Amino acid sequence: MSPELELLRECQNRALEREGIPMVLSLVDEVHEQPSPVQDWARADGQQIAAKLDNFRAALLPQSRNDDMGCVITVLQVGSYADFGREGGQL
C-alpha cells in the first residue's frame, strides 16, 4: 500500500466526534484581480502546499477530473491531516 493511501485510510478511520476535523481553508476573491504575495516566504510556502496537494491527488485519484468535488475534498482531507492531525508529523 502506498504511503498516500495509508494516510488516507488513517485519516478516514478517525473518530471525528472526539478528535475534530483538521482543515485547510483558503478564501478567494473572485470579483477582483488576485494580488500576488509580496513576501518570498509566502510564495514559497504556497508553492510547497500546492505541490503537496498535487502529489496527493496524483497518488490517490489520478483518473479524476479537475472539477471533481469528491477529489478536491479527499485531497484536502489528506493534506490537512498530514499537516495538522497526524501523530509523528507529516508524510
PDB file of N, CA and C in Angstrom:
ATOM      1  N   MET A   1       0.851  -1.172   0.000  1.00  0.00           N
ATOM      2  CA  MET A   1       0.000   0.000   0.000  1.00  0.00           C
ATOM      3  C   MET A   1       0.900   1.240   0.000  1.00  0.00           C
ATOM      4  N   SER A   2       0.545   2.218  -0.828  1.00  0.00           N
ATOM      5  CA  SER A   2       1.347   3.443  -0.910  1.00  0.00           C
ATOM      6  C   SER A   2       1.219   4.253   0.384  1.00  0.00           C
ATOM      7  N   PRO A   3       2.219   5.076   0.699  1.00  0.00           N
ATOM      8  CA  PRO A   3       2.124   5.917   1.897  1.00  0.00           C
ATOM      9  C   PRO A   3       0.926   6.864   1.840  1.00  0.00           C
ATOM     10  N   GLU A   4       0.582   7.333   0.630  1.00  0.00           N
ATOM     11  CA  GLU A   4      -0.556   8.249   0.487  1.00  0.00           C
ATOM     12  C   GLU A   4      -1.871   7.535   0.789  1.00  0.00           C
ATOM     13  N   LEU A   5      -2.013   6.303   0.301  1.00  0.00           N
ATOM     14  CA  LEU A   5      -3.233   5.534   0.568  1.00  0.00           C
ATOM     15  C   LEU A   5      -3.317   5.156   2.043  1.00  0.00           C
ATOM     16  N   GLU A   6      -2.199   4.827   2.632  1.00  0.00           N
ATOM     17  CA  GLU A   6      -2.164   4.536   4.066  1.00  0.00           C
ATOM     18  C   GLU A   6      -2.607   5.761   4.866  1.00  0.00           C
ATOM     19  N   LEU A   7      -2.132   6.929   4.477  1.00  0.00           N
ATOM     20  CA  LEU A   7      -2.516   8.172   5.145  1.00  0.00           C
ATOM     21  C   LEU A   7      -4.005   8.443   4.976  1.00  0.00           C
ATOM     22  N   LEU A   8      -4.541   8.228   3.774  1.00  0.00           N
ATOM     23  CA  LEU A   8      -5.973   8.423   3.537  1.00  0.00           C
ATOM     24  C   LEU A   8      -6.794   7.515   4.440  1.00  0.00           C
ATOM     25  N   ARG A   9      -6.443   6.255   4.504  1.00  0.00           N
ATOM     26  CA  ARG A   9      -7.191   5.316   5.355  1.00  0.00           C
ATOM     27  C   ARG A   9      -7.077   5.699   6.819  1.00  0.00           C
ATOM     28  N   GLU A  10      -5.902   6.115   7.234  1.00  0.00           N
ATOM     29  CA  GLU A  10      -5.686   6.534   8.615  1.00  0.00           C
ATOM     30  C   GLU A  10      -6.572   7.726   8.970  1.00  0.00           C
ATOM     31  N   CYS A  11      -6.634   8.718   8.091  1.00  0.00           N
ATOM     32  CA  CYS A  11      -7.424   9.915   8.413  1.00  0.00           C
ATOM     33  C   CYS A  11      -8.923   9.626   8.326  1.00  0.00           C
ATOM     34  N   GLN A  12      -9.336   8.655   7.518  1.00  0.00           N
ATOM     35  CA  GLN A  12     -10.755   8.318   7.427  1.00  0.00           C
ATOM     36  C   GLN A  12     -11.208   7.407   8.561  1.00  0.00           C
ATOM     37  N   ASN A  13     -10.285   6.789   9.267  1.00  0.00           N
ATOM     38  CA  ASN A  13     -10.628   5.892  10.371  1.00  0.00           C
ATOM     39  C   ASN A  13     -10.685   6.609  11.714  1.00  0.00           C
ATOM     40  N   ARG A  14     -10.604   7.903  11.717  1.00  0.00           N
ATOM     41  CA  ARG A  14     -10.604   8.667  12.960  1.00  0.00           C
ATOM     42  C   ARG A  14     -12.009   8.794  13.519  1.00  0.00           C
ATOM     43  N   ALA A  15     -12.095   8.947  14.835  1.00  0.00           N
ATOM     44  CA  ALA A  15     -13.372   9.212  15.495  1.00  0.00           C
ATOM     45  C   ALA A  15     -13.553  10.730  15.521  1.00  0.00           C
ATOM     46  N   LEU A  16     -14.196  11.266  14.494  1.00  0.00           N
ATOM     47  CA  LEU A  16     -14.260  12.720  14.321  1.00  0.00           C
ATOM     48  C   LEU A  16     -14.996  13.426  15.451  1.00  0.00           C
ATOM     49  N   GLU A  17     -15.953  12.749  16.085  1.00  0.00           N
ATOM     50  CA  GLU A  17     -16.677  13.406  17.177  1.00  0.00           C
ATOM     51  C   GLU A  17     -15.774  13.626  18.386  1.00  0.00           C
ATOM     52  N   ARG A  18     -14.692  12.868  18.491  1.00  0.00           N
ATOM     53  CA  ARG A  18     -13.753  13.038  19.603  1.00  0.00           C
ATOM     54  C   ARG A  18     -12.488  13.776  19.202  1.00  0.00           C
ATOM     55  N   GLU A  19     -12.073  13.621  17.959  1.00  0.00           N
ATOM     56  CA  GLU A  19     -10.773  14.131  17.541  1.00  0.00           C
ATOM     57  C   GLU A  19     -10.832  15.426  16.744  1.00  0.00           C
ATOM     58  N   GLY A  20     -12.006  15.819  16.294  1.00  0.00           N
ATOM     59  CA  GLY A  20     -12.116  17.027  15.487  1.00  0.00           C
ATOM     60  C   GLY A  20     -11.743  16.776  14.039  1.00  0.00           C
ATOM     61  N   ILE A  21     -11.864  17.785  13.233  1.00  0.00           N
ATOM     62  CA  ILE A  21     -11.598  17.673  11.808  1.00  0.00           C
ATOM     63  C   ILE A  21     -10.572  18.730  11.422  1.00  0.00           C
ATOM     64  N   PRO A  22      -9.316  18.332  11.165  1.00  0.00           N
ATOM     65  CA  PRO A  22      -8.343  19.321  10.698  1.00  0.00           C
ATOM     66  C   PRO A  22      -8.712  19.774   9.293  1.00  0.00           C
ATOM     67  N   MET A  23      -8.538  21.047   9.016  1.00  0.00           N
ATOM     68  CA  MET A  23      -8.940  21.573   7.712  1.00  0.00           C
ATOM     69  C   MET A  23      -7.922  22.567   7.175  1.00  0.00           C
ATOM     70  N   VAL A  24      -7.924  22.681   5.867  1.00  0.00           N
ATOM     71  CA  VAL A  24      -7.192  23.730   5.174  1.00  0.00           C
ATOM     72  C   VAL A  24      -8.245  24.694   4.666  1.00  0.00           C
ATOM     73  N   LEU A  25      -8.076  25.977   4.916  1.00  0.00           N
ATOM     74  CA  LEU A  25      -9.049  26.963   4.469  1.00  0.00           C
ATOM     75  C   LEU A  25      -8.358  27.974   3.572  1.00  0.00           C
ATOM     76  N   SER A  26      -8.966  28.222   2.446  1.00  0.00           N
ATOM     77  CA  SER A  26      -8.441  29.217   1.518  1.00  0.00           C
ATOM     78  C   SER A  26      -9.601  30.074   1.042  1.00  0.00           C
ATOM     79  N   LEU A  27      -9.473  31.370   1.174  1.00  0.00           N
ATOM     80  CA  LEU A  27     -10.507  32.295   0.718  1.00  0.00           C
ATOM     81  C   LEU A  27     -10.017  33.003  -0.536  1.00  0.00           C
ATOM     82  N   VAL A  28     -10.876  33.078  -1.521  1.00  0.00           N
ATOM     83  CA  VAL A  28     -10.508  33.688  -2.794  1.00  0.00           C
ATOM     84  C   VAL A  28     -11.553  34.727  -3.160  1.00  0.00           C
ATOM     85  N   ASP A  29     -11.113  35.921  -3.496  1.00  0.00           N
ATOM     86  CA  ASP A  29     -11.996  36.968  -4.004  1.00  0.00           C
ATOM     87  C   ASP A  29     -12.081  36.780  -5.510  1.00  0.00           C
ATOM     88  N   GLU A  30     -13.221  36.316  -5.986  1.00  0.00           N
ATOM     89  CA  GLU A  30     -13.370  36.030  -7.412  1.00  0.00           C
ATOM     90  C   GLU A  30     -13.896  37.230  -8.190  1.00  0.00           C
ATOM     91  N   VAL A  31     -14.079  38.361  -7.518  1.00  0.00           N
ATOM     92  CA  VAL A  31     -14.596  39.556  -8.170  1.00  0.00           C
ATOM     93  C   VAL A  31     -13.457  40.449  -8.658  1.00  0.00           C
ATOM     94  N   HIS A  32     -12.436  40.596  -7.837  1.00  0.00           N
ATOM     95  CA  HIS A  32     -11.328  41.494  -8.151  1.00  0.00           C
ATOM     96  C   HIS A  32     -10.096  40.702  -8.581  1.00  0.00           C
ATOM     97  N   GLU A  33      -9.123  41.417  -9.131  1.00  0.00           N
ATOM     98  CA  GLU A  33      -7.865  40.788  -9.527  1.00  0.00           C
ATOM     99  C   GLU A  33      -7.140  40.255  -8.294  1.00  0.00           C
ATOM    100  N   GLN A  34      -6.504  39.106  -8.444  1.00  0.00           N
ATOM    101  CA  GLN A  34      -5.806  38.483  -7.323  1.00  0.00           C
ATOM    102  C   GLN A  34      -4.453  39.146  -7.099  1.00  0.00           C
ATOM    103  N   PRO A  35      -4.193  39.618  -5.869  1.00  0.00           N
ATOM    104  CA  PRO A  35      -2.872  40.179  -5.589  1.00  0.00           C
ATOM    105  C   PRO A  35      -1.847  39.055  -5.457  1.00  0.00           C
ATOM    106  N   SER A  36      -0.630  39.338  -5.820  1.00  0.00           N
ATOM    107  CA  SER A  36       0.454  38.373  -5.634  1.00  0.00           C
ATOM    108  C   SER A  36       1.028  38.546  -4.240  1.00  0.00           C
ATOM    109  N   PRO A  37       1.460  37.447  -3.613  1.00  0.00           N
ATOM    110  CA  PRO A  37       2.108  37.595  -2.310  1.00  0.00           C
ATOM    111  C   PRO A  37       3.387  38.411  -2.465  1.00  0.00           C
ATOM    112  N   VAL A  38       3.581  39.338  -1.562  1.00  0.00           N
ATOM    113  CA  VAL A  38       4.739  40.221  -1.640  1.00  0.00           C
ATOM    114  C   VAL A  38       5.978  39.536  -1.068  1.00  0.00           C
ATOM    115  N   GLN A  39       5.793  38.821   0.030  1.00  0.00           N
ATOM    116  CA  GLN A  39       6.935  38.198   0.693  1.00  0.00           C
ATOM    117  C   GLN A  39       7.313  36.897  -0.025  1.00  0.00           C
ATOM    118  N   ASP A  40       8.609  36.699  -0.179  1.00  0.00           N
ATOM    119  CA  ASP A  40       9.105  35.476  -0.818  1.00  0.00           C
ATOM    120  C   ASP A  40       8.708  34.229  -0.038  1.00  0.00           C
ATOM    121  N   TRP A  41       8.713  34.326   1.307  1.00  0.00           N
ATOM    122  CA  TRP A  41       8.374  33.162   2.116  1.00  0.00           C
ATOM    123  C   TRP A  41       6.933  32.733   1.871  1.00  0.00           C
ATOM    124  N   ALA A  42       6.021  33.693   1.669  1.00  0.00           N
ATOM    125  CA  ALA A  42       4.615  33.360   1.420  1.00  0.00           C
ATOM    126  C   ALA A  42       4.466  32.650   0.076  1.00  0.00           C
ATOM    127  N   ARG A  43       5.178  33.117  -0.903  1.00  0.00           N
ATOM    128  CA  ARG A  43       5.151  32.491  -2.231  1.00  0.00           C
ATOM    129  C   ARG A  43       5.710  31.067  -2.160  1.00  0.00           C
ATOM    130  N   ALA A  44       6.827  30.904  -1.468  1.00  0.00           N
ATOM    131  CA  ALA A  44       7.456  29.583  -1.337  1.00  0.00           C
ATOM    132  C   ALA A  44       6.566  28.623  -0.546  1.00  0.00           C
ATOM    133  N   ASP A  45       5.938  29.124   0.508  1.00  0.00           N
ATOM    134  CA  ASP A  45       5.040  28.298   1.315  1.00  0.00           C
ATOM    135  C   ASP A  45       3.845  27.835   0.483  1.00  0.00           C
ATOM    136  N   GLY A  46       3.272  28.744  -0.286  1.00  0.00           N
ATOM    137  CA  GLY A  46       2.149  28.399  -1.155  1.00  0.00           C
ATOM    138  C   GLY A  46       2.527  27.371  -2.206  1.00  0.00           C
ATOM    139  N   GLN A  47       3.728  27.497  -2.754  1.00  0.00           N
ATOM    140  CA  GLN A  47       4.196  26.524  -3.750  1.00  0.00           C
ATOM    141  C   GLN A  47       4.384  25.145  -3.130  1.00  0.00           C
ATOM    142  N   GLN A  48       4.867  25.092  -1.896  1.00  0.00           N
ATOM    143  CA  GLN A  48       5.039  23.807  -1.208  1.00  0.00           C
ATOM    144  C   GLN A  48       3.689  23.149  -0.938  1.00  0.00           C
ATOM    145  N   ILE A  49       2.721  23.926  -0.479  1.00  0.00           N
ATOM    146  CA  ILE A  49       1.389  23.388  -0.209  1.00  0.00           C
ATOM    147  C   ILE A  49       0.760  22.879  -1.497  1.00  0.00           C
ATOM    148  N   ALA A  50       0.842  23.660  -2.557  1.00  0.00           N
ATOM    149  CA  ALA A  50       0.267  23.249  -3.845  1.00  0.00           C
ATOM    150  C   ALA A  50       0.928  21.977  -4.364  1.00  0.00           C
ATOM    151  N   ALA A  51       2.240  21.882  -4.238  1.00  0.00           N
ATOM    152  CA  ALA A  51       2.951  20.683  -4.703  1.00  0.00           C
ATOM    153  C   ALA A  51       2.540  19.457  -3.896  1.00  0.00           C
ATOM    154  N   LYS A  52       2.393  19.624  -2.584  1.00  0.00           N
ATOM    155  CA  LYS A  52       1.981  18.504  -1.738  1.00  0.00           C
ATOM    156  C   LYS A  52       0.574  18.030  -2.120  1.00  0.00           C
ATOM    157  N   LEU A  53      -0.346  18.972  -2.328  1.00  0.00           N
ATOM    158  CA  LEU A  53      -1.706  18.593  -2.715  1.00  0.00           C
ATOM    159  C   LEU A  53      -1.722  17.948  -4.099  1.00  0.00           C
ATOM    160  N   ASP A  54      -0.908  18.455  -5.018  1.00  0.00           N
ATOM    161  CA  ASP A  54      -0.796  17.834  -6.348  1.00  0.00           C
ATOM    162  C   ASP A  54      -0.287  16.398  -6.241  1.00  0.00           C
ATOM    163  N   ASN A  55       0.682  16.168  -5.364  1.00  0.00           N
ATOM    164  CA  ASN A  55       1.218  14.815  -5.180  1.00  0.00           C
ATOM    165  C   ASN A  55       0.169  13.869  -4.607  1.00  0.00           C
ATOM    166  N   PHE A  56      -0.599  14.338  -3.624  1.00  0.00           N
ATOM    167  CA  PHE A  56      -1.667  13.505  -3.066  1.00  0.00           C
ATOM    168  C   PHE A  56      -2.694  13.164  -4.142  1.00  0.00           C
ATOM    169  N   ARG A  57      -3.065  14.155  -4.936  1.00  0.00           N
ATOM    170  CA  ARG A  57      -4.055  13.920  -5.996  1.00  0.00           C
ATOM    171  C   ARG A  57      -3.536  12.908  -7.009  1.00  0.00           C
ATOM    172  N   ALA A  58      -2.290  13.061  -7.426  1.00  0.00           N
ATOM    173  CA  ALA A  58      -1.708  12.144  -8.413  1.00  0.00           C
ATOM    174  C   ALA A  58      -1.610  10.724  -7.866  1.00  0.00           C
ATOM    175  N   ALA A  59      -1.302  10.591  -6.589  1.00  0.00           N
ATOM    176  CA  ALA A  59      -1.145   9.265  -5.993  1.00  0.00           C
ATOM    177  C   ALA A  59      -2.483   8.596  -5.697  1.00  0.00           C
ATOM    178  N   LEU A  60      -3.473   9.377  -5.269  1.00  0.00           N
ATOM    179  CA  LEU A  60      -4.737   8.793  -4.814  1.00  0.00           C
ATOM    180  C   LEU A  60      -5.820   8.764  -5.882  1.00  0.00           C
ATOM    181  N   LEU A  61      -5.882   9.784  -6.715  1.00  0.00           N
ATOM    182  CA  LEU A  61      -7.000   9.923  -7.653  1.00  0.00           C
ATOM    183  C   LEU A  61      -6.508  10.358  -9.027  1.00  0.00           C
ATOM    184  N   PRO A  62      -5.624   9.607  -9.647  1.00  0.00           N
ATOM    185  CA  PRO A  62      -5.022  10.059 -10.908  1.00  0.00           C
ATOM    186  C   PRO A  62      -6.010  10.180 -12.063  1.00  0.00           C
ATOM    187  N   GLN A  63      -7.117   9.467 -12.031  1.00  0.00           N
ATOM    188  CA  GLN A  63      -8.071   9.481 -13.138  1.00  0.00           C
ATOM    189  C   GLN A  63      -9.205  10.496 -12.948  1.00  0.00           C
ATOM    190  N   SER A  64      -9.226  11.198 -11.824  1.00  0.00           N
ATOM    191  CA  SER A  64     -10.350  12.105 -11.559  1.00  0.00           C
ATOM    192  C   SER A  64     -10.260  13.387 -12.391  1.00  0.00           C
ATOM    193  N   ARG A  65     -11.421  13.986 -12.614  1.00  0.00           N
ATOM    194  CA  ARG A  65     -11.496  15.262 -13.338  1.00  0.00           C
ATOM    195  C   ARG A  65     -11.012  16.398 -12.424  1.00  0.00           C
ATOM    196  N   ASN A  66     -10.555  17.482 -13.015  1.00  0.00           N
ATOM    197  CA  ASN A  66     -10.109  18.638 -12.230  1.00  0.00           C
ATOM    198  C   ASN A  66     -11.237  19.265 -11.426  1.00  0.00           C
ATOM    199  N   ASP A  67     -12.476  19.162 -11.914  1.00  0.00           N
ATOM    200  CA  ASP A  67     -13.601  19.788 -11.213  1.00  0.00           C
ATOM    201  C   ASP A  67     -14.393  18.788 -10.370  1.00  0.00           C
ATOM    202  N   ASP A  68     -13.834  17.625 -10.083  1.00  0.00           N
ATOM    203  CA  ASP A  68     -14.495  16.607  -9.269  1.00  0.00           C
ATOM    204  C   ASP A  68     -14.393  17.009  -7.796  1.00  0.00           C
ATOM    205  N   MET A  69     -15.517  17.421  -7.206  1.00  0.00           N
ATOM    206  CA  MET A  69     -15.503  17.910  -5.827  1.00  0.00           C
ATOM    207  C   MET A  69     -15.147  16.812  -4.835  1.00  0.00           C
ATOM    208  N   GLY A  70     -15.508  15.576  -5.120  1.00  0.00           N
ATOM    209  CA  GLY A  70     -15.110  14.476  -4.244  1.00  0.00           C
ATOM    210  C   GLY A  70     -13.600  14.347  -4.177  1.00  0.00           C
ATOM    211  N   CYS A  71     -12.953  14.532  -5.311  1.00  0.00           N
ATOM    212  CA  CYS A  71     -11.489  14.502  -5.376  1.00  0.00           C
ATOM    213  C   CYS A  71     -10.905  15.652  -4.558  1.00  0.00           C
ATOM    214  N   VAL A  72     -11.443  16.836  -4.746  1.00  0.00           N
ATOM    215  CA  VAL A  72     -10.956  18.018  -4.012  1.00  0.00           C
ATOM    216  C   VAL A  72     -11.083  17.792  -2.510  1.00  0.00           C
ATOM    217  N   ILE A  73     -12.238  17.296  -2.078  1.00  0.00           N
ATOM    218  CA  ILE A  73     -12.471  17.061  -0.649  1.00  0.00           C
ATOM    219  C   ILE A  73     -11.492  16.025  -0.104  1.00  0.00           C
ATOM    220  N   THR A  74     -11.303  14.935  -0.829  1.00  0.00           N
ATOM    221  CA  THR A  74     -10.387  13.887  -0.384  1.00  0.00           C
ATOM    222  C   THR A  74      -8.960  14.407  -0.266  1.00  0.00           C
ATOM    223  N   VAL A  75      -8.509  15.139  -1.267  1.00  0.00           N
ATOM    224  CA  VAL A  75      -7.138  15.662  -1.252  1.00  0.00           C
ATOM    225  C   VAL A  75      -6.957  16.662  -0.109  1.00  0.00           C
ATOM    226  N   LEU A  76      -7.926  17.536   0.117  1.00  0.00           N
ATOM    227  CA  LEU A  76      -7.826  18.489   1.229  1.00  0.00           C
ATOM    228  C   LEU A  76      -7.850  17.771   2.571  1.00  0.00           C
ATOM    229  N   GLN A  77      -8.664  16.727   2.677  1.00  0.00           N
ATOM    230  CA  GLN A  77      -8.735  15.951   3.914  1.00  0.00           C
ATOM    231  C   GLN A  77      -7.380  15.312   4.227  1.00  0.00           C
ATOM    232  N   VAL A  78      -6.784  14.674   3.251  1.00  0.00           N
ATOM    233  CA  VAL A  78      -5.490  14.021   3.453  1.00  0.00           C
ATOM    234  C   VAL A  78      -4.393  15.058   3.716  1.00  0.00           C
ATOM    235  N   GLY A  79      -4.400  16.146   2.953  1.00  0.00           N
ATOM    236  CA  GLY A  79      -3.386  17.182   3.139  1.00  0.00           C
ATOM    237  C   GLY A  79      -3.444  17.828   4.505  1.00  0.00           C
ATOM    238  N   SER A  80      -4.641  18.134   4.963  1.00  0.00           N
ATOM    239  CA  SER A  80      -4.761  18.772   6.275  1.00  0.00           C
ATOM    240  C   SER A  80      -4.433  17.792   7.392  1.00  0.00           C
ATOM    241  N   TYR A  81      -4.821  16.532   7.233  1.00  0.00           N
ATOM    242  CA  TYR A  81      -4.490  15.531   8.247  1.00  0.00           C
ATOM    243  C   TYR A  81      -2.977  15.324   8.333  1.00  0.00           C
ATOM    244  N   ALA A  82      -2.318  15.294   7.193  1.00  0.00           N
ATOM    245  CA  ALA A  82      -0.858  15.130   7.179  1.00  0.00           C
ATOM    246  C   ALA A  82      -0.175  16.283   7.910  1.00  0.00           C
ATOM    247  N   ASP A  83      -0.695  17.493   7.757  1.00  0.00           N
ATOM    248  CA  ASP A  83      -0.076  18.663   8.383  1.00  0.00           C
ATOM    249  C   ASP A  83      -0.457  18.845   9.849  1.00  0.00           C
ATOM    250  N   PHE A  84      -1.749  18.623  10.180  1.00  0.00           N
ATOM    251  CA  PHE A  84      -2.234  19.026  11.498  1.00  0.00           C
ATOM    252  C   PHE A  84      -2.661  17.889  12.409  1.00  0.00           C
ATOM    253  N   GLY A  85      -3.084  16.769  11.872  1.00  0.00           N
ATOM    254  CA  GLY A  85      -3.721  15.775  12.711  1.00  0.00           C
ATOM    255  C   GLY A  85      -2.926  14.528  12.994  1.00  0.00           C
ATOM    256  N   ARG A  86      -1.890  14.307  12.266  1.00  0.00           N
ATOM    257  CA  ARG A  86      -1.186  13.026  12.346  1.00  0.00           C
ATOM    258  C   ARG A  86      -0.132  13.047  13.443  1.00  0.00           C
ATOM    259  N   GLU A  87      -0.173  12.019  14.309  1.00  0.00           N
ATOM    260  CA  GLU A  87       0.879  11.879  15.313  1.00  0.00           C
ATOM    261  C   GLU A  87       2.187  11.578  14.611  1.00  0.00           C
ATOM    262  N   GLY A  88       3.241  12.200  15.051  1.00  0.00           N
ATOM    263  CA  GLY A  88       4.541  11.955  14.446  1.00  0.00           C
ATOM    264  C   GLY A  88       4.837  12.843  13.256  1.00  0.00           C
ATOM    265  N   GLY A  89       3.923  13.722  12.905  1.00  0.00           N
ATOM    266  CA  GLY A  89       4.211  14.682  11.845  1.00  0.00           C
ATOM    267  C   GLY A  89       3.701  14.307  10.482  1.00  0.00           C
ATOM    268  N   GLN A  90       4.269  14.930   9.487  1.00  0.00           N
ATOM    269  CA  GLN A  90       3.801  14.840   8.111  1.00  0.00           C
ATOM    270  C   GLN A  90       4.252  13.560   7.431  1.00  0.00           C
ATOM    271  N   LEU A  91       3.682  13.333   6.256  1.00  0.00           N
ATOM    272  CA  LEU A  91       4.052  12.191   5.415  1.00  0.00           C
ATOM    273  C   LEU A  91       5.415  12.425   4.821  1.00  0.00           C
TER     274      LEU A  91
END
